[in-house]
Amino acid sequence: FEDKYEERDYQKGRLALAFRIFAKFGFDEGVAGHITLRDPV
């Protein structure tokens, strides 16, 4: 991406998918666990 705000929107979508993938694989345990994304902006 050339636009950092556009990159942010895209990467946030990928992060949301990451959590759903973790849930599908059974990696969630109550409220424990976290995945973080460095903000492009």
All heavy atoms as atom14 arrays in JSON, in Angstrom:
{
  "sequence": "FEDKYEERDYQKGRLALAFRIFAKFGFDEGVAGHITLRDPV",
  "atom14_mask": [
    [1, 1, 1, 1, 1, 1, 1, 1, 1, 1, 1, 0, 0, 0],
    [1, 1, 1, 1, 1, 1, 1, 1, 1, 0, 0, 0, 0, 0],
    [1, 1, 1, 1, 1, 1, 1, 1, 0, 0, 0, 0, 0, 0],
    [1, 1, 1, 1, 1, 1, 1, 1, 1, 0, 0, 0, 0, 0],
    [1, 1, 1, 1, 1, 1, 1, 1, 1, 1, 1, 1, 0, 0],
    [1, 1, 1, 1, 1, 1, 1, 1, 1, 0, 0, 0, 0, 0],
    [1, 1, 1, 1, 1, 1, 1, 1, 1, 0, 0, 0, 0, 0],
    [1, 1, 1, 1, 1, 1, 1, 1, 1, 1, 1, 0, 0, 0],
    [1, 1, 1, 1, 1, 1, 1, 1, 0, 0, 0, 0, 0, 0],
    [1, 1, 1, 1, 1, 1, 1, 1, 1, 1, 1, 1, 0, 0],
    [1, 1, 1, 1, 1, 1, 1, 1, 1, 0, 0, 0, 0, 0],
    [1, 1, 1, 1, 1, 1, 1, 1, 1, 0, 0, 0, 0, 0],
    [1, 1, 1, 1, 0, 0, 0, 0, 0, 0, 0, 0, 0, 0],
    [1, 1, 1, 1, 1, 1, 1, 1, 1, 1, 1, 0, 0, 0],
    [1, 1, 1, 1, 1, 1, 1, 1, 0, 0, 0, 0, 0, 0],
    [1, 1, 1, 1, 1, 0, 0, 0, 0, 0, 0, 0, 0, 0],
    [1, 1, 1, 1, 1, 1, 1, 1, 0, 0, 0, 0, 0, 0],
    [1, 1, 1, 1, 1, 0, 0, 0, 0, 0, 0, 0, 0, 0],
    [1, 1, 1, 1, 1, 1, 1, 1, 1, 1, 1, 0, 0, 0],
    [1, 1, 1, 1, 1, 1, 1, 1, 1, 1, 1, 0, 0, 0],
    [1, 1, 1, 1, 1, 1, 1, 1, 0, 0, 0, 0, 0, 0],
    [1, 1, 1, 1, 1, 1, 1, 1, 1, 1, 1, 0, 0, 0],
    [1, 1, 1, 1, 1, 0, 0, 0, 0, 0, 0, 0, 0, 0],
    [1, 1, 1, 1, 1, 1, 1, 1, 1, 0, 0, 0, 0, 0],
    [1, 1, 1, 1, 1, 1, 1, 1, 1, 1, 1, 0, 0, 0],
    [1, 1, 1, 1, 0, 0, 0, 0, 0, 0, 0, 0, 0, 0],
    [1, 1, 1, 1, 1, 1, 1, 1, 1, 1, 1, 0, 0, 0],
    [1, 1, 1, 1, 1, 1, 1, 1, 0, 0, 0, 0, 0, 0],
    [1, 1, 1, 1, 1, 1, 1, 1, 1, 0, 0, 0, 0, 0],
    [1, 1, 1, 1, 0, 0, 0, 0, 0, 0, 0, 0, 0, 0],
    [1, 1, 1, 1, 1, 1, 1, 0, 0, 0, 0, 0, 0, 0],
    [1, 1, 1, 1, 1, 0, 0, 0, 0, 0, 0, 0, 0, 0],
    [1, 1, 1, 1, 0, 0, 0, 0, 0, 0, 0, 0, 0, 0],
    [1, 1, 1, 1, 1, 1, 1, 1, 1, 1, 0, 0, 0, 0],
    [1, 1, 1, 1, 1, 1, 1, 1, 0, 0, 0, 0, 0, 0],
    [1, 1, 1, 1, 1, 1, 1, 0, 0, 0, 0, 0, 0, 0],
    [1, 1, 1, 1, 1, 1, 1, 1, 0, 0, 0, 0, 0, 0],
    [1, 1, 1, 1, 1, 1, 1, 1, 1, 1, 1, 0, 0, 0],
    [1, 1, 1, 1, 1, 1, 1, 1, 0, 0, 0, 0, 0, 0],
    [1, 1, 1, 1, 1, 1, 1, 0, 0, 0, 0, 0, 0, 0],
    [1, 1, 1, 1, 1, 1, 1, 0, 0, 0, 0, 0, 0, 0]
  ],
  "atom14_positions": [
    [[0.83, -1.2, 0.0], [0.0, 0.0, 0.0], [0.87, 1.25, 0.0], [1.94, 1.28, 0.6], [-0.89, 0.03, 1.24], [-1.87, -1.1, 1.34], [-1.49, -2.3, 1.92], [-3.16, -0.97, 0.84], [-2.38, -3.36, 2.01], [-4.06, -2.02, 0.93], [-3.67, -3.22, 1.51], [0.0, 0.0, 0.0], [0.0, 0.0, 0.0], [0.0, 0.0, 0.0]],
    [[0.39, 2.28, -0.69], [1.02, 3.6, -0.6], [0.32, 4.44, 0.45], [0.94, 5.29, 1.09], [0.98, 4.29, -1.96], [1.84, 3.61, -3.04], [1.83, 4.39, -4.34], [1.24, 5.49, -4.38], [2.44, 3.89, -5.32], [0.0, 0.0, 0.0], [0.0, 0.0, 0.0], [0.0, 0.0, 0.0], [0.0, 0.0, 0.0], [0.0, 0.0, 0.0]],
    [[-0.97, 4.21, 0.63], [-1.77, 4.94, 1.61], [-1.81, 4.16, 2.92], [-2.33, 3.05, 2.97], [-3.18, 5.14, 1.06], [-4.05, 6.03, 1.94], [-3.95, 5.93, 3.17], [-4.85, 6.81, 1.38], [0.0, 0.0, 0.0], [0.0, 0.0, 0.0], [0.0, 0.0, 0.0], [0.0, 0.0, 0.0], [0.0, 0.0, 0.0], [0.0, 0.0, 0.0]],
    [[-1.26, 4.73, 3.98], [-1.2, 4.05, 5.28], [-2.58, 3.83, 5.88], [-2.8, 2.85, 6.61], [-0.32, 4.84, 6.24], [1.15, 4.85, 5.87], [1.73, 3.43, 5.89], [3.21, 3.42, 5.54], [3.75, 2.03, 5.52], [0.0, 0.0, 0.0], [0.0, 0.0, 0.0], [0.0, 0.0, 0.0], [0.0, 0.0, 0.0], [0.0, 0.0, 0.0]],
    [[-3.52, 4.7, 5.61], [-4.87, 4.52, 6.15], [-5.59, 3.38, 5.42], [-6.35, 2.63, 6.04], [-5.66, 5.82, 6.03], [-5.22, 6.87, 7.03], [-4.26, 7.81, 6.68], [-5.73, 6.9, 8.32], [-3.82, 8.76, 7.59], [-5.32, 7.84, 9.24], [-4.36, 8.77, 8.88], [-3.92, 9.71, 9.8], [0.0, 0.0, 0.0], [0.0, 0.0, 0.0]],
    [[-5.32, 3.25, 4.15], [-5.88, 2.13, 3.39], [-5.27, 0.82, 3.89], [-5.96, -0.19, 4.04], [-5.6, 2.31, 1.9], [-6.21, 1.22, 1.02], [-5.88, 1.42, -0.45], [-5.37, 2.5, -0.81], [-6.14, 0.48, -1.24], [0.0, 0.0, 0.0], [0.0, 0.0, 0.0], [0.0, 0.0, 0.0], [0.0, 0.0, 0.0], [0.0, 0.0, 0.0]],
    [[-3.97, 0.86, 4.17], [-3.29, -0.32, 4.71], [-3.87, -0.69, 6.07], [-4.09, -1.87, 6.37], [-1.79, -0.06, 4.83], [-1.02, -1.25, 5.38], [0.47, -0.98, 5.5], [0.92, 0.13, 5.12], [1.18, -1.88, 5.97], [0.0, 0.0, 0.0], [0.0, 0.0, 0.0], [0.0, 0.0, 0.0], [0.0, 0.0, 0.0], [0.0, 0.0, 0.0]],
    [[-4.14, 0.3, 6.9], [-4.71, 0.05, 8.22], [-6.04, -0.68, 8.1], [-6.28, -1.68, 8.8], [-4.9, 1.36, 8.99], [-5.68, 1.19, 10.28], [-6.16, 2.52, 10.82], [-5.13, 3.17, 11.64], [-5.29, 4.37, 12.2], [-6.43, 5.05, 12.0], [-4.34, 4.91, 12.93], [0.0, 0.0, 0.0], [0.0, 0.0, 0.0], [0.0, 0.0, 0.0]],
    [[-6.91, -0.21, 7.22], [-8.23, -0.83, 7.05], [-8.09, -2.29, 6.6], [-8.79, -3.17, 7.1], [-9.06, -0.05, 6.04], [-9.53, 1.3, 6.57], [-9.51, 1.48, 7.81], [-9.9, 2.17, 5.76], [0.0, 0.0, 0.0], [0.0, 0.0, 0.0], [0.0, 0.0, 0.0], [0.0, 0.0, 0.0], [0.0, 0.0, 0.0], [0.0, 0.0, 0.0]],
    [[-7.19, -2.51, 5.66], [-6.99, -3.88, 5.15], [-6.45, -4.79, 6.25], [-6.94, -5.91, 6.45], [-6.03, -3.85, 3.96], [-5.65, -5.23, 3.46], [-6.51, -5.95, 2.64], [-4.42, -5.79, 3.82], [-6.17, -7.23, 2.18], [-4.07, -7.06, 3.37], [-4.94, -7.77, 2.56], [-4.6, -9.03, 2.12], [0.0, 0.0, 0.0], [0.0, 0.0, 0.0]],
    [[-5.42, -4.32, 6.97], [-4.79, -5.15, 7.99], [-5.73, -5.43, 9.16], [-5.69, -6.51, 9.75], [-3.5, -4.48, 8.48], [-2.41, -4.34, 7.44], [-1.85, -5.67, 6.96], [-2.24, -6.74, 7.4], [-0.92, -5.61, 6.01], [0.0, 0.0, 0.0], [0.0, 0.0, 0.0], [0.0, 0.0, 0.0], [0.0, 0.0, 0.0], [0.0, 0.0, 0.0]],
    [[-6.59, -4.49, 9.48], [-7.58, -4.74, 10.54], [-8.52, -5.87, 10.12], [-8.93, -6.7, 10.95], [-8.36, -3.47, 10.85], [-7.58, -2.43, 11.64], [-8.38, -1.15, 11.82], [-9.64, -1.35, 12.65], [-10.41, -0.11, 12.8], [0.0, 0.0, 0.0], [0.0, 0.0, 0.0], [0.0, 0.0, 0.0], [0.0, 0.0, 0.0], [0.0, 0.0, 0.0]],
    [[-8.87, -5.92, 8.85], [-9.68, -7.01, 8.35], [-8.96, -8.34, 8.47], [-9.55, -9.36, 8.85], [0.0, 0.0, 0.0], [0.0, 0.0, 0.0], [0.0, 0.0, 0.0], [0.0, 0.0, 0.0], [0.0, 0.0, 0.0], [0.0, 0.0, 0.0], [0.0, 0.0, 0.0], [0.0, 0.0, 0.0], [0.0, 0.0, 0.0], [0.0, 0.0, 0.0]],
    [[-7.67, -8.34, 8.17], [-6.88, -9.57, 8.28], [-6.78, -10.0, 9.74], [-6.81, -11.2, 10.05], [-5.48, -9.36, 7.7], [-5.44, -8.91, 6.26], [-6.13, -9.88, 5.32], [-5.28, -11.0, 4.95], [-5.68, -12.0, 4.15], [-6.91, -11.98, 3.65], [-4.87, -12.99, 3.85], [0.0, 0.0, 0.0], [0.0, 0.0, 0.0], [0.0, 0.0, 0.0]],
    [[-6.66, -9.04, 10.64], [-6.58, -9.37, 12.07], [-7.89, -9.97, 12.56], [-7.89, -10.92, 13.35], [-6.22, -8.12, 12.88], [-5.97, -8.33, 14.37], [-4.86, -9.35, 14.61], [-5.61, -6.99, 15.04], [0.0, 0.0, 0.0], [0.0, 0.0, 0.0], [0.0, 0.0, 0.0], [0.0, 0.0, 0.0], [0.0, 0.0, 0.0], [0.0, 0.0, 0.0]],
    [[-9.01, -9.43, 12.1], [-10.31, -10.0, 12.46], [-10.4, -11.45, 11.97], [-10.89, -12.34, 12.69], [-11.44, -9.16, 11.87], [0.0, 0.0, 0.0], [0.0, 0.0, 0.0], [0.0, 0.0, 0.0], [0.0, 0.0, 0.0], [0.0, 0.0, 0.0], [0.0, 0.0, 0.0], [0.0, 0.0, 0.0], [0.0, 0.0, 0.0], [0.0, 0.0, 0.0]],
    [[-9.92, -11.71, 10.75], [-9.9, -13.08, 10.23], [-9.01, -13.97, 11.08], [-9.32, -15.15, 11.31], [-9.42, -13.09, 8.78], [-10.35, -12.51, 7.72], [-9.66, -12.5, 6.36], [-11.65, -13.31, 7.65], [0.0, 0.0, 0.0], [0.0, 0.0, 0.0], [0.0, 0.0, 0.0], [0.0, 0.0, 0.0], [0.0, 0.0, 0.0], [0.0, 0.0, 0.0]],
    [[-7.89, -13.42, 11.55], [-6.97, -14.2, 12.37], [-7.65, -14.7, 13.64], [-7.47, -15.86, 14.04], [-5.74, -13.35, 12.73], [0.0, 0.0, 0.0], [0.0, 0.0, 0.0], [0.0, 0.0, 0.0], [0.0, 0.0, 0.0], [0.0, 0.0, 0.0], [0.0, 0.0, 0.0], [0.0, 0.0, 0.0], [0.0, 0.0, 0.0], [0.0, 0.0, 0.0]],
    [[-8.44, -13.85, 14.28], [-9.14, -14.27, 15.49], [-10.18, -15.35, 15.18], [-10.35, -16.3, 15.96], [-9.81, -13.07, 16.16], [-8.86, -12.23, 16.96], [-8.46, -10.99, 16.5], [-8.34, -12.69, 18.15], [-7.56, -10.21, 17.23], [-7.44, -11.93, 18.88], [-7.05, -10.68, 18.43], [0.0, 0.0, 0.0], [0.0, 0.0, 0.0], [0.0, 0.0, 0.0]],
    [[-10.83, -15.23, 14.06], [-11.82, -16.24, 13.69], [-11.14, -17.57, 13.37], [-11.68, -18.64, 13.66], [-12.66, -15.74, 12.52], [-13.52, -14.53, 12.88], [-14.47, -14.14, 11.77], [-15.29, -12.98, 12.14], [-16.52, -12.76, 11.7], [-17.08, -13.62, 10.86], [-17.19, -11.68, 12.07], [0.0, 0.0, 0.0], [0.0, 0.0, 0.0], [0.0, 0.0, 0.0]],
    [[-9.95, -17.49, 12.78], [-9.17, -18.71, 12.52], [-8.77, -19.36, 13.84], [-8.9, -20.58, 14.02], [-7.92, -18.37, 11.68], [-8.33, -18.02, 10.24], [-6.94, -19.54, 11.67], [-7.22, -17.4, 9.41], [0.0, 0.0, 0.0], [0.0, 0.0, 0.0], [0.0, 0.0, 0.0], [0.0, 0.0, 0.0], [0.0, 0.0, 0.0], [0.0, 0.0, 0.0]],
    [[-8.28, -18.56, 14.78], [-7.9, -19.09, 16.1], [-9.1, -19.77, 16.76], [-8.97, -20.83, 17.37], [-7.34, -17.98, 16.98], [-5.84, -17.85, 16.93], [-5.16, -18.01, 15.74], [-5.11, -17.54, 18.06], [-3.77, -17.9, 15.68], [-3.73, -17.44, 18.03], [-3.05, -17.62, 16.83], [0.0, 0.0, 0.0], [0.0, 0.0, 0.0], [0.0, 0.0, 0.0]],
    [[-10.26, -19.14, 16.67], [-11.46, -19.71, 17.27], [-11.81, -21.04, 16.61], [-12.17, -22.02, 17.28], [-12.62, -18.74, 17.17], [0.0, 0.0, 0.0], [0.0, 0.0, 0.0], [0.0, 0.0, 0.0], [0.0, 0.0, 0.0], [0.0, 0.0, 0.0], [0.0, 0.0, 0.0], [0.0, 0.0, 0.0], [0.0, 0.0, 0.0], [0.0, 0.0, 0.0]],
    [[-11.71, -21.09, 15.28], [-12.04, -22.3, 14.54], [-11.14, -23.46, 14.94], [-11.57, -24.62, 14.99], [-11.95, -22.03, 13.04], [-12.37, -23.21, 12.17], [-12.36, -22.83, 10.71], [-12.82, -24.0, 9.83], [-12.85, -23.64, 8.39], [0.0, 0.0, 0.0], [0.0, 0.0, 0.0], [0.0, 0.0, 0.0], [0.0, 0.0, 0.0], [0.0, 0.0, 0.0]],
    [[-9.87, -23.15, 15.23], [-8.92, -24.19, 15.62], [-8.96, -24.49, 17.12], [-8.2, -25.31, 17.6], [-7.5, -23.78, 15.2], [-7.19, -24.05, 13.75], [-7.54, -23.12, 12.78], [-6.57, -25.22, 13.35], [-7.27, -23.36, 11.44], [-6.3, -25.47, 12.01], [-6.65, -24.53, 11.05], [0.0, 0.0, 0.0], [0.0, 0.0, 0.0], [0.0, 0.0, 0.0]],
    [[-9.84, -23.81, 17.83], [-9.99, -24.08, 19.25], [-8.91, -23.47, 20.12], [-8.63, -23.96, 21.23], [0.0, 0.0, 0.0], [0.0, 0.0, 0.0], [0.0, 0.0, 0.0], [0.0, 0.0, 0.0], [0.0, 0.0, 0.0], [0.0, 0.0, 0.0], [0.0, 0.0, 0.0], [0.0, 0.0, 0.0], [0.0, 0.0, 0.0], [0.0, 0.0, 0.0]],
    [[-8.3, -22.39, 19.66], [-7.23, -21.75, 20.43], [-7.77, -20.77, 21.47], [-6.99, -20.23, 22.27], [-6.27, -21.01, 19.5], [-5.54, -21.89, 18.51], [-4.99, -21.35, 17.36], [-5.41, -23.25, 18.74], [-4.31, -22.15, 16.45], [-4.73, -24.06, 17.84], [-4.18, -23.52, 16.68], [0.0, 0.0, 0.0], [0.0, 0.0, 0.0], [0.0, 0.0, 0.0]],
    [[-9.08, -20.51, 21.45], [-9.65, -19.6, 22.45], [-9.9, -20.37, 23.75], [-10.21, -21.56, 23.73], [-10.94, -18.96, 21.94], [-11.92, -19.98, 21.35], [-11.51, -21.12, 21.06], [-13.1, -19.63, 21.19], [0.0, 0.0, 0.0], [0.0, 0.0, 0.0], [0.0, 0.0, 0.0], [0.0, 0.0, 0.0], [0.0, 0.0, 0.0], [0.0, 0.0, 0.0]],
    [[-9.76, -19.69, 24.85], [-9.97, -20.26, 26.18], [-10.59, -19.18, 27.04], [-9.89, -18.36, 27.65], [-8.65, -20.74, 26.78], [-8.73, -21.31, 28.19], [-9.32, -22.73, 28.23], [-9.46, -23.33, 27.15], [-9.61, -23.22, 29.32], [0.0, 0.0, 0.0], [0.0, 0.0, 0.0], [0.0, 0.0, 0.0], [0.0, 0.0, 0.0], [0.0, 0.0, 0.0]],
    [[-11.92, -19.12, 27.06], [-12.58, -18.05, 27.79], [-12.23, -16.7, 27.2], [-12.42, -16.46, 26.01], [0.0, 0.0, 0.0], [0.0, 0.0, 0.0], [0.0, 0.0, 0.0], [0.0, 0.0, 0.0], [0.0, 0.0, 0.0], [0.0, 0.0, 0.0], [0.0, 0.0, 0.0], [0.0, 0.0, 0.0], [0.0, 0.0, 0.0], [0.0, 0.0, 0.0]],
    [[-11.66, -15.83, 28.02], [-11.27, -14.5, 27.55], [-9.75, -14.39, 27.38], [-9.23, -13.31, 27.12], [-11.76, -13.4, 28.52], [-13.27, -13.37, 28.58], [-11.17, -13.59, 29.92], [0.0, 0.0, 0.0], [0.0, 0.0, 0.0], [0.0, 0.0, 0.0], [0.0, 0.0, 0.0], [0.0, 0.0, 0.0], [0.0, 0.0, 0.0], [0.0, 0.0, 0.0]],
    [[-9.03, -15.51, 27.52], [-7.57, -15.49, 27.43], [-7.12, -15.47, 25.98], [-7.8, -15.99, 25.09], [-6.98, -16.69, 28.15], [0.0, 0.0, 0.0], [0.0, 0.0, 0.0], [0.0, 0.0, 0.0], [0.0, 0.0, 0.0], [0.0, 0.0, 0.0], [0.0, 0.0, 0.0], [0.0, 0.0, 0.0], [0.0, 0.0, 0.0], [0.0, 0.0, 0.0]],
    [[-5.96, -14.88, 25.73], [-5.36, -14.87, 24.41], [-5.52, -13.55, 23.69], [-6.5, -12.83, 23.89], [0.0, 0.0, 0.0], [0.0, 0.0, 0.0], [0.0, 0.0, 0.0], [0.0, 0.0, 0.0], [0.0, 0.0, 0.0], [0.0, 0.0, 0.0], [0.0, 0.0, 0.0], [0.0, 0.0, 0.0], [0.0, 0.0, 0.0], [0.0, 0.0, 0.0]],
    [[-4.54, -13.26, 22.85], [-4.55, -11.99, 22.13], [-3.62, -12.03, 20.92], [-2.6, -12.72, 20.92], [-4.12, -10.83, 23.04], [-3.54, -11.27, 24.35], [-2.21, -11.6, 24.52], [-4.13, -11.46, 25.56], [-1.98, -11.97, 25.77], [-3.12, -11.91, 26.42], [0.0, 0.0, 0.0], [0.0, 0.0, 0.0], [0.0, 0.0, 0.0], [0.0, 0.0, 0.0]],
    [[-4.0, -11.32, 19.89], [-3.16, -11.12, 18.7], [-3.11, -9.61, 18.46], [-4.15, -8.95, 18.49], [-3.74, -11.81, 17.45], [-4.13, -13.25, 17.75], [-2.72, -11.77, 16.31], [-4.86, -13.93, 16.59], [0.0, 0.0, 0.0], [0.0, 0.0, 0.0], [0.0, 0.0, 0.0], [0.0, 0.0, 0.0], [0.0, 0.0, 0.0], [0.0, 0.0, 0.0]],
    [[-1.92, -9.09, 18.25], [-1.79, -7.65, 18.06], [-1.19, -7.32, 16.69], [-0.39, -8.08, 16.15], [-0.89, -7.01, 19.15], [0.35, -7.73, 19.23], [-1.6, -7.04, 20.49], [0.0, 0.0, 0.0], [0.0, 0.0, 0.0], [0.0, 0.0, 0.0], [0.0, 0.0, 0.0], [0.0, 0.0, 0.0], [0.0, 0.0, 0.0], [0.0, 0.0, 0.0]],
    [[-1.59, -6.18, 16.18], [-1.11, -5.65, 14.9], [-0.53, -4.27, 15.12], [-1.19, -3.38, 15.64], [-2.27, -5.56, 13.91], [-2.06, -4.69, 12.67], [-1.05, -5.34, 11.73], [-3.38, -4.42, 11.95], [0.0, 0.0, 0.0], [0.0, 0.0, 0.0], [0.0, 0.0, 0.0], [0.0, 0.0, 0.0], [0.0, 0.0, 0.0], [0.0, 0.0, 0.0]],
    [[0.72, -4.09, 14.71], [1.33, -2.76, 14.75], [0.56, -1.84, 13.8], [0.34, -2.19, 12.64], [2.8, -2.82, 14.35], [3.55, -1.49, 14.55], [4.95, -1.57, 14.0], [5.78, -2.57, 14.68], [6.42, -2.36, 15.81], [6.33, -1.19, 16.43], [7.15, -3.33, 16.35], [0.0, 0.0, 0.0], [0.0, 0.0, 0.0], [0.0, 0.0, 0.0]],
    [[0.16, -0.67, 14.29], [-0.63, 0.24, 13.47], [0.24, 0.85, 12.37], [1.29, 1.43, 12.65], [-1.22, 1.35, 14.34], [-2.1, 2.3, 13.55], [-2.92, 1.81, 12.74], [-1.96, 3.53, 13.71], [0.0, 0.0, 0.0], [0.0, 0.0, 0.0], [0.0, 0.0, 0.0], [0.0, 0.0, 0.0], [0.0, 0.0, 0.0], [0.0, 0.0, 0.0]],
    [[-0.17, 0.74, 11.1], [0.63, 1.32, 10.01], [0.73, 2.84, 10.09], [1.72, 3.42, 9.62], [-0.15, 0.89, 8.75], [-0.93, -0.31, 9.17], [-1.32, -0.04, 10.59], [0.0, 0.0, 0.0], [0.0, 0.0, 0.0], [0.0, 0.0, 0.0], [0.0, 0.0, 0.0], [0.0, 0.0, 0.0], [0.0, 0.0, 0.0], [0.0, 0.0, 0.0]],
    [[-0.29, 3.49, 10.66], [-0.3, 4.96, 10.73], [0.55, 5.45, 11.9], [1.35, 6.39, 11.75], [-1.75, 5.48, 10.86], [-1.77, 7.01, 10.97], [-2.59, 5.02, 9.67], [0.0, 0.0, 0.0], [0.0, 0.0, 0.0], [0.0, 0.0, 0.0], [0.0, 0.0, 0.0], [0.0, 0.0, 0.0], [0.0, 0.0, 0.0], [0.0, 0.0, 0.0]]
  ]
}
